[in-house]
């Protein structure tokens, strides 16, 4: 191999290594530049909003469960009242 062949092989090897490492360099540049940070911050804000919505829905669900329990107790008392009246001697 002469000097020209070595130079051609070196250029091709450099190009292949550059193509393989390009995604790494792009991600590194994005991280340094802060481009990914704004995306992460936006996604974090969306997740916080979803958690707040879920907590509000959970509170609403607990309130509805309390109301159903109350309604069941009231119905049970209403159904039991005539039975108690019939059992007590007058």
PDB file of N, CA and C in Angstrom:
ATOM      1  N   UNK A   1       0.858  -1.181   0.000  1.00  0.00           N
ATOM      2  CA  UNK A   1       0.000   0.000   0.000  1.00  0.00           C
ATOM      3  C   UNK A   1       0.893   1.229   0.000  1.00  0.00           C
ATOM      4  N   UNK A   2       0.516   2.138  -0.826  1.00  0.00           N
ATOM      5  CA  UNK A   2       1.282   3.389  -0.871  1.00  0.00           C
ATOM      6  C   UNK A   2       0.580   4.457  -0.041  1.00  0.00           C
ATOM      7  N   UNK A   3       1.089   5.644  -0.075  1.00  0.00           N
ATOM      8  CA  UNK A   3       0.570   6.752   0.724  1.00  0.00           C
ATOM      9  C   UNK A   3      -0.838   7.157   0.336  1.00  0.00           C
ATOM     10  N   UNK A   4      -1.177   7.089  -0.974  1.00  0.00           N
ATOM     11  CA  UNK A   4      -2.537   7.460  -1.414  1.00  0.00           C
ATOM     12  C   UNK A   4      -3.557   6.470  -0.881  1.00  0.00           C
ATOM     13  N   UNK A   5      -3.241   5.201  -0.909  1.00  0.00           N
ATOM     14  CA  UNK A   5      -4.184   4.187  -0.423  1.00  0.00           C
ATOM     15  C   UNK A   5      -4.442   4.355   1.078  1.00  0.00           C
ATOM     16  N   UNK A   6      -3.407   4.633   1.807  1.00  0.00           N
ATOM     17  CA  UNK A   6      -3.554   4.843   3.252  1.00  0.00           C
ATOM     18  C   UNK A   6      -4.410   6.069   3.517  1.00  0.00           C
ATOM     19  N   UNK A   7      -4.248   7.123   2.750  1.00  0.00           N
ATOM     20  CA  UNK A   7      -5.035   8.337   2.925  1.00  0.00           C
ATOM     21  C   UNK A   7      -6.505   8.077   2.611  1.00  0.00           C
ATOM     22  N   UNK A   8      -6.790   7.316   1.562  1.00  0.00           N
ATOM     23  CA  UNK A   8      -8.173   6.992   1.194  1.00  0.00           C
ATOM     24  C   UNK A   8      -8.831   6.149   2.281  1.00  0.00           C
ATOM     25  N   UNK A   9      -8.121   5.153   2.767  1.00  0.00           N
ATOM     26  CA  UNK A   9      -8.655   4.307   3.847  1.00  0.00           C
ATOM     27  C   UNK A   9      -8.897   5.148   5.102  1.00  0.00           C
ATOM     28  N   UNK A  10      -8.001   6.044   5.418  1.00  0.00           N
ATOM     29  CA  UNK A  10      -8.169   6.901   6.593  1.00  0.00           C
ATOM     30  C   UNK A  10      -9.387   7.802   6.451  1.00  0.00           C
ATOM     31  N   UNK A  11      -9.622   8.348   5.265  1.00  0.00           N
ATOM     32  CA  UNK A  11     -10.796   9.208   5.030  1.00  0.00           C
ATOM     33  C   UNK A  11     -12.067   8.392   5.186  1.00  0.00           C
ATOM     34  N   UNK A  12     -12.112   7.193   4.596  1.00  0.00           N
ATOM     35  CA  UNK A  12     -13.303   6.357   4.717  1.00  0.00           C
ATOM     36  C   UNK A  12     -13.553   5.936   6.167  1.00  0.00           C
ATOM     37  N   UNK A  13     -12.518   5.584   6.878  1.00  0.00           N
ATOM     38  CA  UNK A  13     -12.678   5.206   8.292  1.00  0.00           C
ATOM     39  C   UNK A  13     -13.179   6.385   9.120  1.00  0.00           C
ATOM     40  N   UNK A  14     -12.647   7.568   8.847  1.00  0.00           N
ATOM     41  CA  UNK A  14     -13.091   8.761   9.563  1.00  0.00           C
ATOM     42  C   UNK A  14     -14.565   9.047   9.265  1.00  0.00           C
ATOM     43  N   UNK A  15     -14.968   8.888   8.007  1.00  0.00           N
ATOM     44  CA  UNK A  15     -16.369   9.120   7.635  1.00  0.00           C
ATOM     45  C   UNK A  15     -17.289   8.119   8.316  1.00  0.00           C
ATOM     46  N   UNK A  16     -16.904   6.863   8.361  1.00  0.00           N
ATOM     47  CA  UNK A  16     -17.736   5.838   8.996  1.00  0.00           C
ATOM     48  C   UNK A  16     -17.849   6.087  10.497  1.00  0.00           C
ATOM     49  N   UNK A  17     -16.742   6.393  11.139  1.00  0.00           N
ATOM     50  CA  UNK A  17     -16.776   6.686  12.573  1.00  0.00           C
ATOM     51  C   UNK A  17     -17.626   7.922  12.841  1.00  0.00           C
ATOM     52  N   UNK A  18     -17.506   8.928  11.983  1.00  0.00           N
ATOM     53  CA  UNK A  18     -18.322  10.136  12.135  1.00  0.00           C
ATOM     54  C   UNK A  18     -19.808   9.849  11.996  1.00  0.00           C
ATOM     55  N   UNK A  19     -20.179   8.992  11.030  1.00  0.00           N
ATOM     56  CA  UNK A  19     -21.592   8.647  10.857  1.00  0.00           C
ATOM     57  C   UNK A  19     -22.111   7.841  12.046  1.00  0.00           C
ATOM     58  N   UNK A  20     -21.292   6.988  12.597  1.00  0.00           N
ATOM     59  CA  UNK A  20     -21.715   6.187  13.740  1.00  0.00           C
ATOM     60  C   UNK A  20     -21.845   7.025  15.012  1.00  0.00           C
ATOM     61  N   UNK A  21     -20.989   8.007  15.181  1.00  0.00           N
ATOM     62  CA  UNK A  21     -21.001   8.821  16.402  1.00  0.00           C
ATOM     63  C   UNK A  21     -21.861  10.076  16.283  1.00  0.00           C
ATOM     64  N   UNK A  22     -22.414  10.353  15.101  1.00  0.00           N
ATOM     65  CA  UNK A  22     -23.212  11.567  14.889  1.00  0.00           C
ATOM     66  C   UNK A  22     -24.370  11.695  15.885  1.00  0.00           C
ATOM     67  N   UNK A  23     -25.190  10.632  16.103  1.00  0.00           N
ATOM     68  CA  UNK A  23     -26.290  10.781  17.082  1.00  0.00           C
ATOM     69  C   UNK A  23     -25.801  11.162  18.476  1.00  0.00           C
ATOM     70  N   UNK A  24     -24.657  10.622  18.860  1.00  0.00           N
ATOM     71  CA  UNK A  24     -24.099  10.967  20.165  1.00  0.00           C
ATOM     72  C   UNK A  24     -23.702  12.433  20.221  1.00  0.00           C
ATOM     73  N   UNK A  25     -23.071  12.915  19.168  1.00  0.00           N
ATOM     74  CA  UNK A  25     -22.667  14.329  19.129  1.00  0.00           C
ATOM     75  C   UNK A  25     -23.883  15.255  19.093  1.00  0.00           C
ATOM     76  N   UNK A  26     -24.931  14.868  18.359  1.00  0.00           N
ATOM     77  CA  UNK A  26     -26.146  15.692  18.291  1.00  0.00           C
ATOM     78  C   UNK A  26     -26.801  15.763  19.668  1.00  0.00           C
ATOM     79  N   UNK A  27     -26.905  14.629  20.359  1.00  0.00           N
ATOM     80  CA  UNK A  27     -27.503  14.626  21.696  1.00  0.00           C
ATOM     81  C   UNK A  27     -26.673  15.444  22.671  1.00  0.00           C
ATOM     82  N   UNK A  28     -25.371  15.332  22.545  1.00  0.00           N
ATOM     83  CA  UNK A  28     -24.486  16.098  23.416  1.00  0.00           C
ATOM     84  C   UNK A  28     -24.636  17.588  23.159  1.00  0.00           C
ATOM     85  N   UNK A  29     -24.707  17.978  21.910  1.00  0.00           N
ATOM     86  CA  UNK A  29     -24.883  19.392  21.564  1.00  0.00           C
ATOM     87  C   UNK A  29     -26.230  19.911  22.044  1.00  0.00           C
ATOM     88  N   UNK A  30     -27.258  19.099  21.919  1.00  0.00           N
ATOM     89  CA  UNK A  30     -28.593  19.503  22.378  1.00  0.00           C
ATOM     90  C   UNK A  30     -28.606  19.698  23.888  1.00  0.00           C
ATOM     91  N   UNK A  31     -27.921  18.820  24.580  1.00  0.00           N
ATOM     92  CA  UNK A  31     -27.870  18.929  26.043  1.00  0.00           C
ATOM     93  C   UNK A  31     -27.105  20.172  26.467  1.00  0.00           C
ATOM     94  N   UNK A  32     -26.003  20.445  25.799  1.00  0.00           N
ATOM     95  CA  UNK A  32     -25.225  21.641  26.123  1.00  0.00           C
ATOM     96  C   UNK A  32     -26.015  22.896  25.803  1.00  0.00           C
ATOM     97  N   UNK A  33     -26.709  22.881  24.665  1.00  0.00           N
ATOM     98  CA  UNK A  33     -27.471  24.053  24.241  1.00  0.00           C
ATOM     99  C   UNK A  33     -28.748  24.272  25.023  1.00  0.00           C
ATOM    100  N   UNK A  34     -29.232  23.258  25.725  1.00  0.00           N
ATOM    101  CA  UNK A  34     -30.446  23.417  26.516  1.00  0.00           C
ATOM    102  C   UNK A  34     -31.708  23.121  25.738  1.00  0.00           C
ATOM    103  N   UNK A  35     -31.624  22.607  24.532  1.00  0.00           N
ATOM    104  CA  UNK A  35     -32.811  22.298  23.736  1.00  0.00           C
ATOM    105  C   UNK A  35     -33.645  21.195  24.358  1.00  0.00           C
ATOM    106  N   UNK A  36     -32.998  20.177  24.871  1.00  0.00           N
ATOM    107  CA  UNK A  36     -33.722  19.068  25.478  1.00  0.00           C
ATOM    108  C   UNK A  36     -34.318  19.474  26.814  1.00  0.00           C
ATOM    109  N   UNK A  37     -33.727  20.436  27.475  1.00  0.00           N
ATOM    110  CA  UNK A  37     -34.213  20.856  28.783  1.00  0.00           C
ATOM    111  C   UNK A  37     -35.612  21.438  28.693  1.00  0.00           C
ATOM    112  N   UNK A  38     -35.874  22.219  27.651  1.00  0.00           N
ATOM    113  CA  UNK A  38     -37.210  22.799  27.522  1.00  0.00           C
ATOM    114  C   UNK A  38     -38.239  21.717  27.237  1.00  0.00           C
ATOM    115  N   UNK A  39     -37.875  20.692  26.466  1.00  0.00           N
ATOM    116  CA  UNK A  39     -38.793  19.584  26.213  1.00  0.00           C
ATOM    117  C   UNK A  39     -39.087  18.824  27.498  1.00  0.00           C
ATOM    118  N   UNK A  40     -38.064  18.591  28.278  1.00  0.00           N
ATOM    119  CA  UNK A  40     -38.233  17.869  29.540  1.00  0.00           C
ATOM    120  C   UNK A  40     -39.072  18.692  30.510  1.00  0.00           C
ATOM    121  N   UNK A  41     -38.843  19.981  30.550  1.00  0.00           N
ATOM    122  CA  UNK A  41     -39.614  20.853  31.437  1.00  0.00           C
ATOM    123  C   UNK A  41     -41.076  20.875  31.031  1.00  0.00           C
ATOM    124  N   UNK A  42     -41.328  20.914  29.735  1.00  0.00           N
ATOM    125  CA  UNK A  42     -42.714  20.914  29.239  1.00  0.00           C
ATOM    126  C   UNK A  42     -43.405  19.591  29.591  1.00  0.00           C
ATOM    127  N   UNK A  43     -42.701  18.486  29.399  1.00  0.00           N
ATOM    128  CA  UNK A  43     -43.282  17.186  29.726  1.00  0.00           C
ATOM    129  C   UNK A  43     -43.517  17.058  31.233  1.00  0.00           C
ATOM    130  N   UNK A  44     -42.607  17.597  32.031  1.00  0.00           N
ATOM    131  CA  UNK A  44     -42.774  17.569  33.481  1.00  0.00           C
ATOM    132  C   UNK A  44     -43.988  18.382  33.910  1.00  0.00           C
ATOM    133  N   UNK A  45     -44.201  19.535  33.297  1.00  0.00           N
ATOM    134  CA  UNK A  45     -45.385  20.346  33.593  1.00  0.00           C
ATOM    135  C   UNK A  45     -46.667  19.599  33.243  1.00  0.00           C
ATOM    136  N   UNK A  46     -46.664  18.908  32.097  1.00  0.00           N
ATOM    137  CA  UNK A  46     -47.841  18.130  31.707  1.00  0.00           C
ATOM    138  C   UNK A  46     -48.114  17.012  32.708  1.00  0.00           C
ATOM    139  N   UNK A  47     -47.067  16.337  33.159  1.00  0.00           N
ATOM    140  CA  UNK A  47     -47.241  15.263  34.134  1.00  0.00           C
ATOM    141  C   UNK A  47     -47.747  15.791  35.470  1.00  0.00           C
ATOM    142  N   UNK A  48     -47.250  16.946  35.877  1.00  0.00           N
ATOM    143  CA  UNK A  48     -47.741  17.550  37.126  1.00  0.00           C
ATOM    144  C   UNK A  48     -49.223  17.899  37.017  1.00  0.00           C
ATOM    145  N   UNK A  49     -49.638  18.405  35.860  1.00  0.00           N
ATOM    146  CA  UNK A  49     -51.044  18.737  35.653  1.00  0.00           C
ATOM    147  C   UNK A  49     -51.908  17.470  35.694  1.00  0.00           C
ATOM    148  N   UNK A  50     -51.410  16.400  35.088  1.00  0.00           N
ATOM    149  CA  UNK A  50     -52.162  15.136  35.105  1.00  0.00           C
ATOM    150  C   UNK A  50     -52.296  14.596  36.523  1.00  0.00           C
ATOM    151  N   UNK A  51     -51.238  14.702  37.318  1.00  0.00           N
ATOM    152  CA  UNK A  51     -51.299  14.238  38.707  1.00  0.00           C
ATOM    153  C   UNK A  51     -52.307  15.068  39.494  1.00  0.00           C
ATOM    154  N   UNK A  52     -52.306  16.372  39.278  1.00  0.00           N
ATOM    155  CA  UNK A  52     -53.271  17.236  39.970  1.00  0.00           C
ATOM    156  C   UNK A  52     -54.694  16.877  39.573  1.00  0.00           C
ATOM    157  N   UNK A  53     -54.913  16.609  38.290  1.00  0.00           N
ATOM    158  CA  UNK A  53     -56.244  16.203  37.836  1.00  0.00           C
ATOM    159  C   UNK A  53     -56.668  14.886  38.465  1.00  0.00           C
ATOM    160  N   UNK A  54     -55.742  13.935  38.547  1.00  0.00           N
ATOM    161  CA  UNK A  54     -56.062  12.640  39.161  1.00  0.00           C
ATOM    162  C   UNK A  54     -56.366  12.782  40.644  1.00  0.00           C
ATOM    163  N   UNK A  55     -55.642  13.650  41.324  1.00  0.00           N
ATOM    164  CA  UNK A  55     -55.925  13.866  42.745  1.00  0.00           C
ATOM    165  C   UNK A  55     -57.297  14.490  42.942  1.00  0.00           C
ATOM    166  N   UNK A  56     -57.673  15.413  42.059  1.00  0.00           N
ATOM    167  CA  UNK A  56     -59.006  16.020  42.143  1.00  0.00           C
ATOM    168  C   UNK A  56     -60.090  14.979  41.876  1.00  0.00           C
ATOM    169  N   UNK A  57     -59.856  14.107  40.912  1.00  0.00           N
ATOM    170  CA  UNK A  57     -60.828  13.047  40.619  1.00  0.00           C
ATOM    171  C   UNK A  57     -60.924  12.064  41.783  1.00  0.00           C
ATOM    172  N   UNK A  58     -59.818  11.806  42.437  1.00  0.00           N
ATOM    173  CA  UNK A  58     -59.842  10.896  43.588  1.00  0.00           C
ATOM    174  C   UNK A  58     -60.655  11.502  44.733  1.00  0.00           C
ATOM    175  N   UNK A  59     -60.478  12.780  44.965  1.00  0.00           N
ATOM    176  CA  UNK A  59     -61.250  13.453  46.015  1.00  0.00           C
ATOM    177  C   UNK A  59     -62.736  13.411  45.671  1.00  0.00           C
ATOM    178  N   UNK A  60     -63.052  13.612  44.412  1.00  0.00           N
ATOM    179  CA  UNK A  60     -64.456  13.563  43.970  1.00  0.00           C
ATOM    180  C   UNK A  60     -65.019  12.159  44.155  1.00  0.00           C
ATOM    181  N   UNK A  61     -64.233  11.147  43.843  1.00  0.00           N
ATOM    182  CA  UNK A  61     -64.668   9.764  44.009  1.00  0.00           C
ATOM    183  C   UNK A  61     -64.923   9.441  45.481  1.00  0.00           C
ATOM    184  N   UNK A  62     -64.052   9.910  46.372  1.00  0.00           N
ATOM    185  CA  UNK A  62     -64.262   9.676  47.805  1.00  0.00           C
ATOM    186  C   UNK A  62     -65.545  10.344  48.286  1.00  0.00           C
ATOM    187  N   UNK A  63     -65.818  11.542  47.789  1.00  0.00           N
ATOM    188  CA  UNK A  63     -67.050  12.227  48.158  1.00  0.00           C
ATOM    189  C   UNK A  63     -68.273  11.460  47.674  1.00  0.00           C
ATOM    190  N   UNK A  64     -68.212  10.945  46.459  1.00  0.00           N
ATOM    191  CA  UNK A  64     -69.331  10.157  45.933  1.00  0.00           C
ATOM    192  C   UNK A  64     -69.530   8.867  46.722  1.00  0.00           C
ATOM    193  N   UNK A  65     -68.431   8.238  47.147  1.00  0.00           N
ATOM    194  CA  UNK A  65     -68.555   7.038  47.975  1.00  0.00           C
ATOM    195  C   UNK A  65     -69.232   7.363  49.300  1.00  0.00           C
ATOM    196  N   UNK A  66     -68.897   8.485  49.893  1.00  0.00           N
ATOM    197  CA  UNK A  66     -69.547   8.901  51.142  1.00  0.00           C
ATOM    198  C   UNK A  66     -71.039   9.125  50.926  1.00  0.00           C
ATOM    199  N   UNK A  67     -71.382   9.736  49.815  1.00  0.00           N
ATOM    200  CA  UNK A  67     -72.804   9.984  49.528  1.00  0.00           C
ATOM    201  C   UNK A  67     -73.569   8.684  49.321  1.00  0.00           C
ATOM    202  N   UNK A  68     -72.967   7.724  48.635  1.00  0.00           N
ATOM    203  CA  UNK A  68     -73.632   6.434  48.428  1.00  0.00           C
ATOM    204  C   UNK A  68     -73.800   5.719  49.764  1.00  0.00           C
ATOM    205  N   UNK A  69     -72.770   5.748  50.609  1.00  0.00           N
ATOM    206  CA  UNK A  69     -72.888   5.138  51.932  1.00  0.00           C
ATOM    207  C   UNK A  69     -74.022   5.779  52.734  1.00  0.00           C
ATOM    208  N   UNK A  70     -74.114   7.106  52.685  1.00  0.00           N
ATOM    209  CA  UNK A  70     -75.176   7.809  53.401  1.00  0.00           C
ATOM    210  C   UNK A  70     -76.544   7.401  52.865  1.00  0.00           C
ATOM    211  N   UNK A  71     -76.673   7.349  51.542  1.00  0.00           N
ATOM    212  CA  UNK A  71     -77.955   6.969  50.947  1.00  0.00           C
ATOM    213  C   UNK A  71     -78.321   5.535  51.323  1.00  0.00           C
ATOM    214  N   UNK A  72     -77.358   4.638  51.349  1.00  0.00           N
ATOM    215  CA  UNK A  72     -77.636   3.256  51.751  1.00  0.00           C
ATOM    216  C   UNK A  72     -78.094   3.186  53.200  1.00  0.00           C
ATOM    217  N   UNK A  73     -77.467   3.959  54.079  1.00  0.00           N
ATOM    218  CA  UNK A  73     -77.891   3.973  55.483  1.00  0.00           C
ATOM    219  C   UNK A  73     -79.307   4.519  55.623  1.00  0.00           C
ATOM    220  N   UNK A  74     -79.620   5.567  54.877  1.00  0.00           N
ATOM    221  CA  UNK A  74     -80.961   6.142  54.952  1.00  0.00           C
ATOM    222  C   UNK A  74     -82.009   5.153  54.447  1.00  0.00           C
ATOM    223  N   UNK A  75     -81.714   4.457  53.370  1.00  0.00           N
ATOM    224  CA  UNK A  75     -82.656   3.450  52.851  1.00  0.00           C
ATOM    225  C   UNK A  75     -82.814   2.298  53.828  1.00  0.00           C
ATOM    226  N   UNK A  76     -81.730   1.889  54.461  1.00  0.00           N
ATOM    227  CA  UNK A  76     -81.813   0.793  55.426  1.00  0.00           C
ATOM    228  C   UNK A  76     -82.648   1.209  56.632  1.00  0.00           C
ATOM    229  N   UNK A  77     -82.505   2.446  57.094  1.00  0.00           N
ATOM    230  CA  UNK A  77     -83.303   2.929  58.223  1.00  0.00           C
ATOM    231  C   UNK A  77     -84.776   3.031  57.845  1.00  0.00           C
ATOM    232  N   UNK A  78     -85.060   3.471  56.631  1.00  0.00           N
ATOM    233  CA  UNK A  78     -86.448   3.619  56.193  1.00  0.00           C
ATOM    234  C   UNK A  78     -87.107   2.249  56.089  1.00  0.00           C
ATOM    235  N   UNK A  79     -86.376   1.254  55.595  1.00  0.00           N
ATOM    236  CA  UNK A  79     -86.928  -0.093  55.469  1.00  0.00           C
ATOM    237  C   UNK A  79     -87.077  -0.764  56.835  1.00  0.00           C
ATOM    238  N   UNK A  80     -86.223  -0.429  57.772  1.00  0.00           N
ATOM    239  CA  UNK A  80     -86.264  -1.057  59.093  1.00  0.00           C
ATOM    240  C   UNK A  80     -87.322  -0.412  59.991  1.00  0.00           C
ATOM    241  N   UNK A  81     -87.734   0.810  59.765  1.00  0.00           N
ATOM    242  CA  UNK A  81     -88.690   1.511  60.628  1.00  0.00           C
ATOM    243  C   UNK A  81     -90.043   0.802  60.692  1.00  0.00           C
ATOM    244  N   UNK A  82     -90.657   0.395  59.589  1.00  0.00           N
ATOM    245  CA  UNK A  82     -91.950  -0.312  59.718  1.00  0.00           C
ATOM    246  C   UNK A  82     -91.825  -1.649  60.444  1.00  0.00           C
ATOM    247  N   UNK A  83     -90.725  -2.333  60.287  1.00  0.00           N
ATOM    248  CA  UNK A  83     -90.534  -3.613  60.967  1.00  0.00           C
ATOM    249  C   UNK A  83     -90.430  -3.405  62.470  1.00  0.00           C
ATOM    250  N   UNK A  84     -89.759  -2.329  62.892  1.00  0.00           N
ATOM    251  CA  UNK A  84     -89.665  -2.047  64.325  1.00  0.00           C
ATOM    252  C   UNK A  84     -91.020  -1.659  64.897  1.00  0.00           C
ATOM    253  N   UNK A  85     -91.811  -0.927  64.139  1.00  0.00           N
ATOM    254  CA  UNK A  85     -93.136  -0.507  64.619  1.00  0.00           C
ATOM    255  C   UNK A  85     -94.053  -1.715  64.810  1.00  0.00           C
ATOM    256  N   UNK A  86     -93.927  -2.716  63.977  1.00  0.00           N
ATOM    257  CA  UNK A  86     -94.771  -3.894  64.092  1.00  0.00           C
ATOM    258  C   UNK A  86     -94.373  -4.772  65.260  1.00  0.00           C
ATOM    259  N   UNK A  87     -93.149  -4.759  65.663  1.00  0.00           N
ATOM    260  CA  UNK A  87     -92.648  -5.631  66.734  1.00  0.00           C
ATOM    261  C   UNK A  87     -92.929  -5.068  68.119  1.00  0.00           C
ATOM    262  N   UNK A  88     -93.009  -3.772  68.252  1.00  0.00           N
ATOM    263  CA  UNK A  88     -93.184  -3.196  69.574  1.00  0.00           C
ATOM    264  C   UNK A  88     -94.641  -3.318  69.979  1.00  0.00           C
ATOM    265  N   UNK A  89     -94.897  -3.794  71.220  1.00  0.00           N
ATOM    266  CA  UNK A  89     -96.293  -3.895  71.676  1.00  0.00           C
ATOM    267  C   UNK A  89     -96.832  -2.511  72.026  1.00  0.00           C
ATOM    268  N   UNK A  90     -98.030  -2.273  71.640  1.00  0.00           N
ATOM    269  CA  UNK A  90     -98.644  -0.987  71.909  1.00  0.00           C
ATOM    270  C   UNK A  90     -99.633  -1.085  73.021  1.00  0.00           C
TER     271      UNK A  90
END
